[in-house]
Every structure is written in structure tokens, then in C-alpha cells.
C-alpha atoms as a PDB file:
ATOM      1  CA  MET A   1       0.056  -0.071  -0.134  1.00  0.00           C
ATOM      2  CA  ASN A   2       1.527   3.334  -1.118  1.00  0.00           C
ATOM      3  CA  SER A   3      -1.258   5.715   0.138  1.00  0.00           C
ATOM      4  CA  ILE A   4      -4.265   5.985   2.251  1.00  0.00           C
ATOM      5  CA  ASP A   5      -7.304   8.364   2.797  1.00  0.00           C
ATOM      6  CA  LEU A   6      -8.280   9.007   6.475  1.00  0.00           C
ATOM      7  CA  LYS A   7     -11.039  10.707   8.461  1.00  0.00           C
ATOM      8  CA  ALA A   8     -10.039  12.292  11.573  1.00  0.00           C
ATOM      9  CA  HIS A   9     -13.339  12.956  13.451  1.00  0.00           C
ATOM     10  CA  ALA A  10     -14.257  15.787  16.235  1.00  0.00           C
ATOM     11  CA  LYS A  11     -15.262  14.884  19.520  1.00  0.00           C
ATOM     12  CA  VAL A  12     -17.136  16.558  22.413  1.00  0.00           C
ATOM     13  CA  ASN A  13     -16.955  16.126  26.202  1.00  0.00           C
ATOM     14  CA  ILE A  14     -20.312  15.292  27.638  1.00  0.00           C
ATOM     15  CA  GLY A  15     -19.596  16.341  31.328  1.00  0.00           C
ATOM     16  CA  LEU A  16     -16.277  16.920  32.430  1.00  0.00           C
ATOM     17  CA  GLN A  17     -15.095  16.717  35.962  1.00  0.00           C
ATOM     18  CA  VAL A  18     -11.418  18.022  36.838  1.00  0.00           C
ATOM     19  CA  LYS A  19      -9.956  16.186  39.846  1.00  0.00           C
ATOM     20  CA  ASP A  20      -6.618  16.364  41.504  1.00  0.00           C
ATOM     21  CA  GLN A  21      -3.417  17.690  40.192  1.00  0.00           C
ATOM     22  CA  ARG A  22      -0.987  14.916  39.362  1.00  0.00           C
ATOM     23  CA  GLU A  23       2.746  14.999  40.301  1.00  0.00           C
ATOM     24  CA  ASP A  24       3.658  15.729  36.685  1.00  0.00           C
ATOM     25  CA  GLY A  25       1.583  19.078  36.679  1.00  0.00           C
ATOM     26  CA  LEU A  26      -1.490  17.593  34.577  1.00  0.00           C
ATOM     27  CA  HIS A  27      -4.965  16.982  36.208  1.00  0.00           C
ATOM     28  CA  ASN A  28      -6.926  13.836  36.485  1.00  0.00           C
ATOM     29  CA  ILE A  29     -10.301  14.025  34.871  1.00  0.00           C
ATOM     30  CA  HIS A  30     -13.552  12.142  34.386  1.00  0.00           C
ATOM     31  CA  THR A  31     -15.489  12.831  31.307  1.00  0.00           C
ATOM     32  CA  ILE A  32     -17.582  11.320  28.455  1.00  0.00           C
ATOM     33  CA  PHE A  33     -15.977  11.444  25.204  1.00  0.00           C
ATOM     34  CA  GLN A  34     -18.544  11.344  22.096  1.00  0.00           C
ATOM     35  CA  GLU A  35     -17.002  11.185  18.666  1.00  0.00           C
ATOM     36  CA  LEU A  36     -18.667  12.995  16.068  1.00  0.00           C
ATOM     37  CA  GLU A  37     -19.095  12.808  12.143  1.00  0.00           C
ATOM     38  CA  LEU A  38     -17.404  16.360  11.680  1.00  0.00           C
ATOM     39  CA  HIS A  39     -13.969  15.278  10.451  1.00  0.00           C
ATOM     40  CA  ASP A  40     -10.616  16.452   8.904  1.00  0.00           C
ATOM     41  CA  ALA A  41      -9.475  14.590   5.922  1.00  0.00           C
ATOM     42  CA  ILE A  42      -5.994  13.252   5.639  1.00  0.00           C
ATOM     43  CA  VAL A  43      -3.987  11.656   2.904  1.00  0.00           C
ATOM     44  CA  LEU A  44      -0.854   9.852   3.550  1.00  0.00           C
ATOM     45  CA  GLU A  45       1.582   8.831   0.548  1.00  0.00           C
ATOM     46  CA  LYS A  46       4.917   7.042   0.912  1.00  0.00           C
ATOM     47  CA  GLN A  47       7.922   8.741  -0.307  1.00  0.00           C
ATOM     48  CA  PRO A  48      11.399   7.887  -0.316  1.00  0.00           C
ATOM     49  CA  ASN A  49      12.553   9.538   2.869  1.00  0.00           C
ATOM     50  CA  ASP A  50      11.848  12.305   5.518  1.00  0.00           C
ATOM     51  CA  TRP A  51       8.429  14.125   5.797  1.00  0.00           C
ATOM     52  CA  ASN A  52       6.472  16.880   4.221  1.00  0.00           C
ATOM     53  CA  ILE A  53       2.949  18.172   4.989  1.00  0.00           C
ATOM     54  CA  LYS A  54       0.575  20.235   3.064  1.00  0.00           C
ATOM     55  CA  ILE A  55      -2.290  22.134   4.889  1.00  0.00           C
ATOM     56  CA  ASN A  56      -5.164  23.947   3.703  1.00  0.00           C
ATOM     57  CA  ASP A  57      -5.312  26.394   6.855  1.00  0.00           C
ATOM     58  CA  LEU A  58      -2.219  28.706   7.105  1.00  0.00           C
ATOM     59  CA  LYS A  59      -3.063  29.064  10.641  1.00  0.00           C
ATOM     60  CA  ILE A  60      -1.903  25.530  11.372  1.00  0.00           C
ATOM     61  CA  SER A  61       1.650  25.072  12.075  1.00  0.00           C
ATOM     62  CA  SER A  62       3.418  22.876   9.474  1.00  0.00           C
ATOM     63  CA  ASP A  63       6.763  22.284  11.373  1.00  0.00           C
ATOM     64  CA  GLY A  64       7.353  19.659  14.337  1.00  0.00           C
ATOM     65  CA  ARG A  65       4.572  21.161  16.591  1.00  0.00           C
ATOM     66  CA  ASN A  66       2.037  19.731  14.135  1.00  0.00           C
ATOM     67  CA  THR A  67       0.493  16.494  15.683  1.00  0.00           C
ATOM     68  CA  CYS A  68       0.615  14.738  12.433  1.00  0.00           C
ATOM     69  CA  ILE A  69       4.422  15.185  12.352  1.00  0.00           C
ATOM     70  CA  GLN A  70       4.511  14.301  15.797  1.00  0.00           C
ATOM     71  CA  ALA A  71       2.588  11.094  15.066  1.00  0.00           C
ATOM     72  CA  TYR A  72       4.961  10.001  12.179  1.00  0.00           C
ATOM     73  CA  LEU A  73       8.276  10.813  14.285  1.00  0.00           C
ATOM     74  CA  ALA A  74       6.936   8.733  17.140  1.00  0.00           C
ATOM     75  CA  ILE A  75       6.338   5.752  14.886  1.00  0.00           C
ATOM     76  CA  LYS A  76       9.666   6.522  12.881  1.00  0.00           C
ATOM     77  CA  GLN A  77      11.554   6.206  16.391  1.00  0.00           C
ATOM     78  CA  GLN A  78      10.024   2.736  17.086  1.00  0.00           C
ATOM     79  CA  PHE A  79      10.257   1.727  13.497  1.00  0.00           C
ATOM     80  CA  PRO A  80      13.402   3.228  11.849  1.00  0.00           C
ATOM     81  CA  GLN A  81      13.302   1.183   8.960  1.00  0.00           C
ATOM     82  CA  ILE A  82      10.172   2.801   7.570  1.00  0.00           C
ATOM     83  CA  ASP A  83       9.987   5.109   4.506  1.00  0.00           C
ATOM     84  CA  GLY A  84       9.150   8.943   4.397  1.00  0.00           C
ATOM     85  CA  ILE A  85       5.705  10.143   4.338  1.00  0.00           C
ATOM     86  CA  SER A  86       3.948  13.036   2.435  1.00  0.00           C
ATOM     87  CA  ILE A  87       0.850  14.148   4.512  1.00  0.00           C
ATOM     88  CA  THR A  88      -1.980  16.435   2.955  1.00  0.00           C
ATOM     89  CA  LEU A  89      -4.500  17.702   5.600  1.00  0.00           C
ATOM     90  CA  ASP A  90      -7.606  19.128   4.882  1.00  0.00           C
ATOM     91  CA  LYS A  91      -8.783  21.115   8.128  1.00  0.00           C
ATOM     92  CA  ASN A  92     -12.497  21.307   8.889  1.00  0.00           C
ATOM     93  CA  ILE A  93     -12.559  21.150  12.624  1.00  0.00           C
ATOM     94  CA  PRO A  94     -11.709  24.483  13.956  1.00  0.00           C
ATOM     95  CA  SER A  95      -8.398  24.449  15.995  1.00  0.00           C
ATOM     96  CA  GLY A  96      -8.266  25.376  19.485  1.00  0.00           C
ATOM     97  CA  ALA A  97     -12.218  24.829  19.916  1.00  0.00           C
ATOM     98  CA  GLY A  98     -12.490  21.965  22.400  1.00  0.00           C
ATOM     99  CA  LEU A  99     -13.147  19.576  19.632  1.00  0.00           C
ATOM    100  CA  GLY A 100     -10.041  17.575  19.628  1.00  0.00           C
ATOM    101  CA  GLY A 101      -9.036  18.154  15.998  1.00  0.00           C
ATOM    102  CA  GLY A 102      -5.129  18.013  16.533  1.00  0.00           C
ATOM    103  CA  SER A 103      -5.437  14.808  18.785  1.00  0.00           C
ATOM    104  CA  SER A 104      -7.969  13.175  16.246  1.00  0.00           C
ATOM    105  CA  ASP A 105      -5.276  14.262  13.329  1.00  0.00           C
ATOM    106  CA  ALA A 106      -2.587  12.577  15.320  1.00  0.00           C
ATOM    107  CA  ALA A 107      -4.640   9.321  15.973  1.00  0.00           C
ATOM    108  CA  ALA A 108      -5.668   9.174  12.445  1.00  0.00           C
ATOM    109  CA  VAL A 109      -1.926   9.176  11.045  1.00  0.00           C
ATOM    110  CA  LEU A 110      -1.061   6.562  13.592  1.00  0.00           C
ATOM    111  CA  GLN A 111      -3.537   4.424  12.383  1.00  0.00           C
ATOM    112  CA  GLY A 112      -2.646   5.147   8.786  1.00  0.00           C
ATOM    113  CA  LEU A 113       0.866   4.570   9.078  1.00  0.00           C
ATOM    114  CA  ARG A 114       0.136   1.048  10.605  1.00  0.00           C
ATOM    115  CA  GLU A 115      -1.629   0.326   7.542  1.00  0.00           C
ATOM    116  CA  VAL A 116       0.744   1.922   4.917  1.00  0.00           C
ATOM    117  CA  PHE A 117       3.752   0.180   6.478  1.00  0.00           C
ATOM    118  CA  ASP A 118       2.107  -2.824   7.595  1.00  0.00           C
ATOM    119  CA  LEU A 119       3.256  -2.440  11.205  1.00  0.00           C
ATOM    120  CA  PRO A 120       2.880  -5.064  14.038  1.00  0.00           C
ATOM    121  CA  LEU A 121       0.721  -2.798  16.415  1.00  0.00           C
ATOM    122  CA  ASN A 122      -2.345  -3.276  17.970  1.00  0.00           C
ATOM    123  CA  ASN A 123      -4.696  -0.624  19.258  1.00  0.00           C
ATOM    124  CA  ILE A 124      -3.398  -1.084  22.831  1.00  0.00           C
ATOM    125  CA  GLU A 125       0.307  -0.640  21.591  1.00  0.00           C
ATOM    126  CA  LEU A 126      -0.765   2.238  19.311  1.00  0.00           C
ATOM    127  CA  SER A 127      -2.489   4.015  22.393  1.00  0.00           C
ATOM    128  CA  GLU A 128       0.646   3.861  24.209  1.00  0.00           C
ATOM    129  CA  ILE A 129       2.451   5.754  21.516  1.00  0.00           C
ATOM    130  CA  ALA A 130      -0.677   7.994  21.085  1.00  0.00           C
ATOM    131  CA  VAL A 131      -0.638   9.430  24.799  1.00  0.00           C
ATOM    132  CA  LYS A 132       3.021  10.528  24.492  1.00  0.00           C
ATOM    133  CA  ILE A 133       1.655  12.773  21.799  1.00  0.00           C
ATOM    134  CA  GLY A 134      -1.357  14.149  23.747  1.00  0.00           C
ATOM    135  CA  ALA A 135      -3.922  13.211  26.414  1.00  0.00           C
ATOM    136  CA  ASP A 136      -6.798  12.910  24.065  1.00  0.00           C
ATOM    137  CA  VAL A 137      -5.220  11.051  21.236  1.00  0.00           C
ATOM    138  CA  PRO A 138      -5.647   7.543  22.691  1.00  0.00           C
ATOM    139  CA  PHE A 139      -9.464   8.168  22.626  1.00  0.00           C
ATOM    140  CA  PHE A 140      -9.503   8.710  18.833  1.00  0.00           C
ATOM    141  CA  ILE A 141      -7.654   5.172  18.178  1.00  0.00           C
ATOM    142  CA  SER A 142     -10.995   3.524  18.889  1.00  0.00           C
ATOM    143  CA  GLY A 143     -13.559   6.574  18.875  1.00  0.00           C
ATOM    144  CA  GLY A 144     -17.127   6.203  19.492  1.00  0.00           C
ATOM    145  CA  THR A 145     -18.358   6.720  23.037  1.00  0.00           C
ATOM    146  CA  GLN A 146     -15.994   6.211  25.913  1.00  0.00           C
ATOM    147  CA  ILE A 147     -15.449   7.314  29.543  1.00  0.00           C
ATOM    148  CA  GLY A 148     -12.203   9.060  30.031  1.00  0.00           C
ATOM    149  CA  ASP A 149     -10.483   9.011  33.296  1.00  0.00           C
ATOM    150  CA  GLY A 150      -6.823   9.657  34.471  1.00  0.00           C
ATOM    151  CA  ILE A 151      -5.705  12.416  32.033  1.00  0.00           C
ATOM    152  CA  GLY A 152      -8.184  11.187  29.560  1.00  0.00           C
ATOM    153  CA  ASN A 153      -6.046   8.307  28.538  1.00  0.00           C
ATOM    154  CA  VAL A 154      -7.850   5.660  30.771  1.00  0.00           C
ATOM    155  CA  LEU A 155     -10.589   4.710  28.629  1.00  0.00           C
ATOM    156  CA  THR A 156     -13.762   2.500  29.092  1.00  0.00           C
ATOM    157  CA  PRO A 157     -16.094   1.979  26.076  1.00  0.00           C
ATOM    158  CA  ILE A 158     -19.754   2.733  26.444  1.00  0.00           C
ATOM    159  CA  ASN A 159     -22.130   0.397  24.376  1.00  0.00           C
ATOM    160  CA  ASN A 160     -24.668   3.155  23.627  1.00  0.00           C
ATOM    161  CA  PRO A 161     -23.596   6.559  21.862  1.00  0.00           C
ATOM    162  CA  VAL A 162     -25.116   9.818  23.139  1.00  0.00           C
ATOM    163  CA  ASN A 163     -27.623   9.999  20.233  1.00  0.00           C
ATOM    164  CA  GLY A 164     -29.291  13.124  18.879  1.00  0.00           C
ATOM    165  CA  PHE A 165     -28.443  15.882  16.551  1.00  0.00           C
ATOM    166  CA  TYR A 166     -25.397  17.930  17.816  1.00  0.00           C
ATOM    167  CA  LEU A 167     -25.271  21.570  16.852  1.00  0.00           C
ATOM    168  CA  LEU A 168     -21.996  23.063  17.624  1.00  0.00           C
ATOM    169  CA  VAL A 169     -21.651  26.927  18.099  1.00  0.00           C
ATOM    170  CA  ILE A 170     -18.004  28.392  17.853  1.00  0.00           C
ATOM    171  CA  PRO A 171     -17.721  32.016  18.844  1.00  0.00           C
ATOM    172  CA  ASP A 172     -14.676  33.888  18.008  1.00  0.00           C
ATOM    173  CA  ILE A 173     -13.118  33.502  21.313  1.00  0.00           C
ATOM    174  CA  PHE A 174      -9.735  31.941  22.259  1.00  0.00           C
ATOM    175  CA  ILE A 175      -9.574  30.038  25.564  1.00  0.00           C
ATOM    176  CA  SER A 176      -6.198  28.853  26.843  1.00  0.00           C
ATOM    177  CA  THR A 177      -6.319  25.485  28.252  1.00  0.00           C
ATOM    178  CA  ALA A 178      -3.324  26.185  30.487  1.00  0.00           C
ATOM    179  CA  TRP A 179      -5.209  29.383  31.723  1.00  0.00           C
ATOM    180  CA  ALA A 180      -8.472  27.459  32.356  1.00  0.00           C
ATOM    181  CA  TYR A 181      -6.919  24.629  34.567  1.00  0.00           C
ATOM    182  CA  LYS A 182      -4.855  27.429  36.593  1.00  0.00           C
ATOM    183  CA  ALA A 183      -8.066  29.408  37.237  1.00  0.00           C
ATOM    184  CA  LEU A 184     -10.020  26.364  38.182  1.00  0.00           C
ATOM    185  CA  LYS A 185      -7.833  25.157  40.765  1.00  0.00           C
ATOM    186  CA  LYS A 186      -9.709  27.301  43.559  1.00  0.00           C
ATOM    187  CA  HIS A 187     -13.093  26.126  42.212  1.00  0.00           C
ATOM    188  CA  LEU A 188     -12.445  22.367  42.371  1.00  0.00           C
ATOM    189  CA  LYS A 189     -14.993  20.355  44.210  1.00  0.00           C
ATOM    190  CA  GLU A 190     -14.297  17.547  46.610  1.00  0.00           C
ATOM    191  CA  ASP A 191     -14.712  13.969  44.987  1.00  0.00           C
ATOM    192  CA  THR A 192     -17.141  12.800  47.623  1.00  0.00           C
ATOM    193  CA  ASP A 193     -20.124  14.172  45.934  1.00  0.00           C
ATOM    194  CA  ARG A 194     -19.213  13.223  42.301  1.00  0.00           C
ATOM    195  CA  PRO A 195     -21.210  10.912  40.458  1.00  0.00           C
ATOM    196  CA  ASN A 196     -19.887   8.437  37.935  1.00  0.00           C
ATOM    197  CA  PHE A 197     -21.105   9.448  34.742  1.00  0.00           C
ATOM    198  CA  ALA A 198     -21.378   5.799  33.211  1.00  0.00           C
ATOM    199  CA  ASP A 199     -24.045   4.871  35.813  1.00  0.00           C
ATOM    200  CA  PHE A 200     -26.241   7.840  34.540  1.00  0.00           C
ATOM    201  CA  LEU A 201     -25.391   7.368  30.812  1.00  0.00           C
ATOM    202  CA  GLU A 202     -26.496   3.855  30.843  1.00  0.00           C
ATOM    203  CA  GLY A 203     -30.041   4.813  32.091  1.00  0.00           C
ATOM    204  CA  ASN A 204     -30.201   7.387  29.263  1.00  0.00           C
ATOM    205  CA  ASN A 205     -30.338  10.327  32.044  1.00  0.00           C
ATOM    206  CA  LEU A 206     -28.863  13.507  30.541  1.00  0.00           C
ATOM    207  CA  SER A 207     -29.152  15.597  33.630  1.00  0.00           C
ATOM    208  CA  LYS A 208     -27.872  19.005  33.316  1.00  0.00           C
ATOM    209  CA  ALA A 209     -26.795  18.964  36.966  1.00  0.00           C
ATOM    210  CA  ILE A 210     -25.079  15.564  36.789  1.00  0.00           C
ATOM    211  CA  PHE A 211     -23.245  16.198  33.643  1.00  0.00           C
ATOM    212  CA  ASP A 212     -21.839  19.697  34.376  1.00  0.00           C
ATOM    213  CA  ASN A 213     -18.526  20.701  32.822  1.00  0.00           C
ATOM    214  CA  ASP A 214     -16.370  22.079  35.624  1.00  0.00           C
ATOM    215  CA  PHE A 215     -14.613  24.784  33.274  1.00  0.00           C
ATOM    216  CA  GLU A 216     -18.006  26.462  32.969  1.00  0.00           C
ATOM    217  CA  ARG A 217     -17.513  27.803  36.321  1.00  0.00           C
ATOM    218  CA  ILE A 218     -14.598  30.034  35.458  1.00  0.00           C
ATOM    219  CA  VAL A 219     -15.175  30.263  31.578  1.00  0.00           C
ATOM    220  CA  ILE A 220     -18.742  31.628  31.623  1.00  0.00           C
ATOM    221  CA  PRO A 221     -17.977  34.413  34.165  1.00  0.00           C
ATOM    222  CA  THR A 222     -14.887  35.490  32.208  1.00  0.00           C
ATOM    223  CA  TYR A 223     -16.599  35.079  28.646  1.00  0.00           C
ATOM    224  CA  PRO A 224     -20.138  35.939  29.251  1.00  0.00           C
ATOM    225  CA  LYS A 225     -20.864  35.078  25.633  1.00  0.00           C
ATOM    226  CA  ILE A 226     -20.286  31.578  26.174  1.00  0.00           C
ATOM    227  CA  GLY A 227     -23.225  31.545  28.786  1.00  0.00           C
ATOM    228  CA  GLU A 228     -25.498  33.394  26.531  1.00  0.00           C
ATOM    229  CA  ILE A 229     -25.023  30.619  23.738  1.00  0.00           C
ATOM    230  CA  LYS A 230     -25.609  27.826  26.093  1.00  0.00           C
ATOM    231  CA  LYS A 231     -28.831  29.521  27.340  1.00  0.00           C
ATOM    232  CA  GLY A 232     -29.789  30.186  23.812  1.00  0.00           C
ATOM    233  CA  LEU A 233     -29.390  26.386  23.003  1.00  0.00           C
ATOM    234  CA  PHE A 234     -31.698  25.298  25.805  1.00  0.00           C
ATOM    235  CA  GLU A 235     -34.114  28.128  24.786  1.00  0.00           C
ATOM    236  CA  ALA A 236     -34.126  26.618  21.222  1.00  0.00           C
ATOM    237  CA  GLY A 237     -34.995  23.253  22.492  1.00  0.00           C
ATOM    238  CA  ALA A 238     -31.778  21.441  23.155  1.00  0.00           C
ATOM    239  CA  SER A 239     -32.086  18.467  25.542  1.00  0.00           C
ATOM    240  CA  TYR A 240     -28.534  19.203  26.717  1.00  0.00           C
ATOM    241  CA  ALA A 241     -25.974  21.751  26.253  1.00  0.00           C
ATOM    242  CA  SER A 242     -22.672  22.306  27.485  1.00  0.00           C
ATOM    243  CA  LEU A 243     -18.986  23.664  26.852  1.00  0.00           C
ATOM    244  CA  SER A 244     -16.872  21.115  25.247  1.00  0.00           C
ATOM    245  CA  GLY A 245     -13.517  20.723  26.901  1.00  0.00           C
ATOM    246  CA  SER A 246     -12.297  24.135  28.032  1.00  0.00           C
ATOM    247  CA  GLY A 247     -13.932  25.716  25.055  1.00  0.00           C
ATOM    248  CA  SER A 248     -14.624  27.758  23.192  1.00  0.00           C
ATOM    249  CA  THR A 249     -17.280  25.516  21.320  1.00  0.00           C
ATOM    250  CA  VAL A 250     -20.742  25.359  23.056  1.00  0.00           C
ATOM    251  CA  PHE A 251     -22.920  22.417  21.747  1.00  0.00           C
ATOM    252  CA  GLY A 252     -26.630  21.372  22.188  1.00  0.00           C
ATOM    253  CA  ILE A 253     -28.074  18.098  21.677  1.00  0.00           C
ATOM    254  CA  TYR A 254     -31.603  17.782  19.917  1.00  0.00           C
ATOM    255  CA  ASP A 255     -33.794  15.058  19.740  1.00  0.00           C
ATOM    256  CA  ASP A 256     -34.951  15.827  16.077  1.00  0.00           C
ATOM    257  CA  GLU A 257     -33.050  17.239  13.076  1.00  0.00           C
ATOM    258  CA  ALA A 258     -35.725  19.821  12.370  1.00  0.00           C
ATOM    259  CA  SER A 259     -35.443  21.424  15.813  1.00  0.00           C
ATOM    260  CA  ALA A 260     -31.641  21.210  15.324  1.00  0.00           C
ATOM    261  CA  LYS A 261     -31.867  23.034  12.025  1.00  0.00           C
ATOM    262  CA  GLN A 262     -34.096  25.746  13.272  1.00  0.00           C
ATOM    263  CA  ALA A 263     -31.731  26.346  16.178  1.00  0.00           C
ATOM    264  CA  GLU A 264     -28.838  26.562  13.786  1.00  0.00           C
ATOM    265  CA  SER A 265     -30.432  29.138  11.651  1.00  0.00           C
ATOM    266  CA  HIS A 266     -30.402  31.410  14.577  1.00  0.00           C
ATOM    267  CA  PHE A 267     -26.934  30.868  15.603  1.00  0.00           C
ATOM    268  CA  GLN A 268     -25.014  30.849  12.282  1.00  0.00           C
ATOM    269  CA  LYS A 269     -26.022  34.605  11.613  1.00  0.00           C
ATOM    270  CA  GLN A 270     -23.430  35.505  14.283  1.00  0.00           C
ATOM    271  CA  TYR A 271     -21.353  32.304  14.910  1.00  0.00           C
ATOM    272  CA  HIS A 272     -19.479  29.571  13.175  1.00  0.00           C
ATOM    273  CA  THR A 273     -21.714  26.334  13.377  1.00  0.00           C
ATOM    274  CA  PHE A 274     -21.630  22.941  12.440  1.00  0.00           C
ATOM    275  CA  LEU A 275     -24.669  20.283  12.673  1.00  0.00           C
ATOM    276  CA  THR A 276     -23.468  16.826  13.210  1.00  0.00           C
ATOM    277  CA  ARG A 277     -24.335  13.326  14.553  1.00  0.00           C
ATOM    278  CA  PRO A 278     -22.272  10.683  16.614  1.00  0.00           C
ATOM    279  CA  THR A 279     -20.220   8.377  14.400  1.00  0.00           C
ATOM    280  CA  ASN A 280     -21.410   5.187  16.077  1.00  0.00           C
ATOM    281  CA  ILE A 281     -25.232   5.378  15.934  1.00  0.00           C
END
């Protein structure tokens, strides 16, 4: 195989509990990852040596900071005999929006390299490489619906997706993840009253109180527009609405497509929007 076409899907967090800070400076979390149909498109092509990357978005780095390149170099380190690779990345998922685009790109490239070079790696071994690139990358190796613990790398698959029509609303706001974690420290709750999301998800209970995103406590007061969007999603009939990750994407889940499209027609006048569905329905 000389080339392969790949889809790198977006995700949202349905509920996100931020727990204790680890010795490495990262935080343990508890969340539900839901993979969505919205995706970037990636083409990998073998070349004699080294790497190059072509990206349709000039704002995305095309050097060693790019997660696609990090994925190739991580595989190259373990399998130095492999050839070079040419990567074409067609970005559709907005970067820095809490949708996991960079992590998903890395996971797709890892899986694509496994196929192109016929590498003896199962998903567990691939995930061990993935976590070195980013905390969310292992989730995208299998995708679907999963509980994320640890830094997001301790994963438990959930049989049933969180179904519905997902309206993603993305304001022109940049929220630094590092700032969000630092600002949240003084607002962290004790673990004693924290429910396990899986117990409620299996019962198809999308209670707004249970599935809170901890980052909303500091993001909404700092960026009131986020709170306005969330309120507007509920007013437009969403059964659930939340910030994804540390933002800035706010999403609403609708039971039927007509309601979701009607809500989108309201928000798309002012914001970047996507209407999408889970990958695993």
C-alpha cells in the first residue's frame, strides 16, 4: 500500500470533572468522550525519505509542532526502517475549540501509518504511542463513546452512543487550556459528591446537573458570551447543552433534525456552526 485516505473525527465532552493535580502537573479528569461525524480529511503517501505536509489552513503549524508530524516521528522512532511520508491535511474542525481536532489528526495518522507500512501494532500498543503526543489522542484510536479517566487516557467503552443531532456553536473566542486549569484550581469540588457518569449514561439520563463541565465555572463568568450561547441552545429546544473541553465550542443536543436546523438558523447569523451526529449510531 502506497497511500491511504483517512477521516479524523471531532469529539465533544459530555460532562467534565476536573480532579486532583498530578505530580507531572497535569490533572486527572472524569468525562464522556463522544466522537462526531464532523472530520478533517488526511491523505498519506509514501515517499523515499523524510516527511512533508500540506495544509489548507495557514494558521496551522506545518513544522514539528504539528500533531501529524509528531505522530510520524513517534512511529519512526519505534520503526526506524520505514520510508518517508507525505501528508495532506484538509482541516475542517476548528483548532483550539475544544473539539480535539489536533488529537484526532494525530490518531488518524498513527492508524494510517500502521496500514501503509503494515506495522505489527494493535490498538493498545498504538494507544501507548498516542498518549505521548497528547492526552486525548488515545481516545481517537477507537473513537465512539468512551468514559475518560486519568488525564483522559484511561478509557472505558460505552455500548450506547449519546444519540441526537449535535449543534456546535463556535464563537470567535480563544480560551487557553493552561489558563483554564490554573483558574479552576480554587473552584475544584471534593470528590465525595461526584457521580460516575457511566451509571447515569446507561440509564439514558442526561441531567444538566449531573453532566456539568467544571470549566464552565470559570469560563462563563470570564466570557459571558459562552453563557449566552448555552442559554440560547436550551431556549431553542436542546435536551442538553454544554461547553466542550475548556471551550470555546458550546454544543446542544437535539432530539430531532428539524429542531436542530431551526436552532442553527438562529446561531449561524453570528457564529461559526456545524450540525453533526455521533459516528457510532
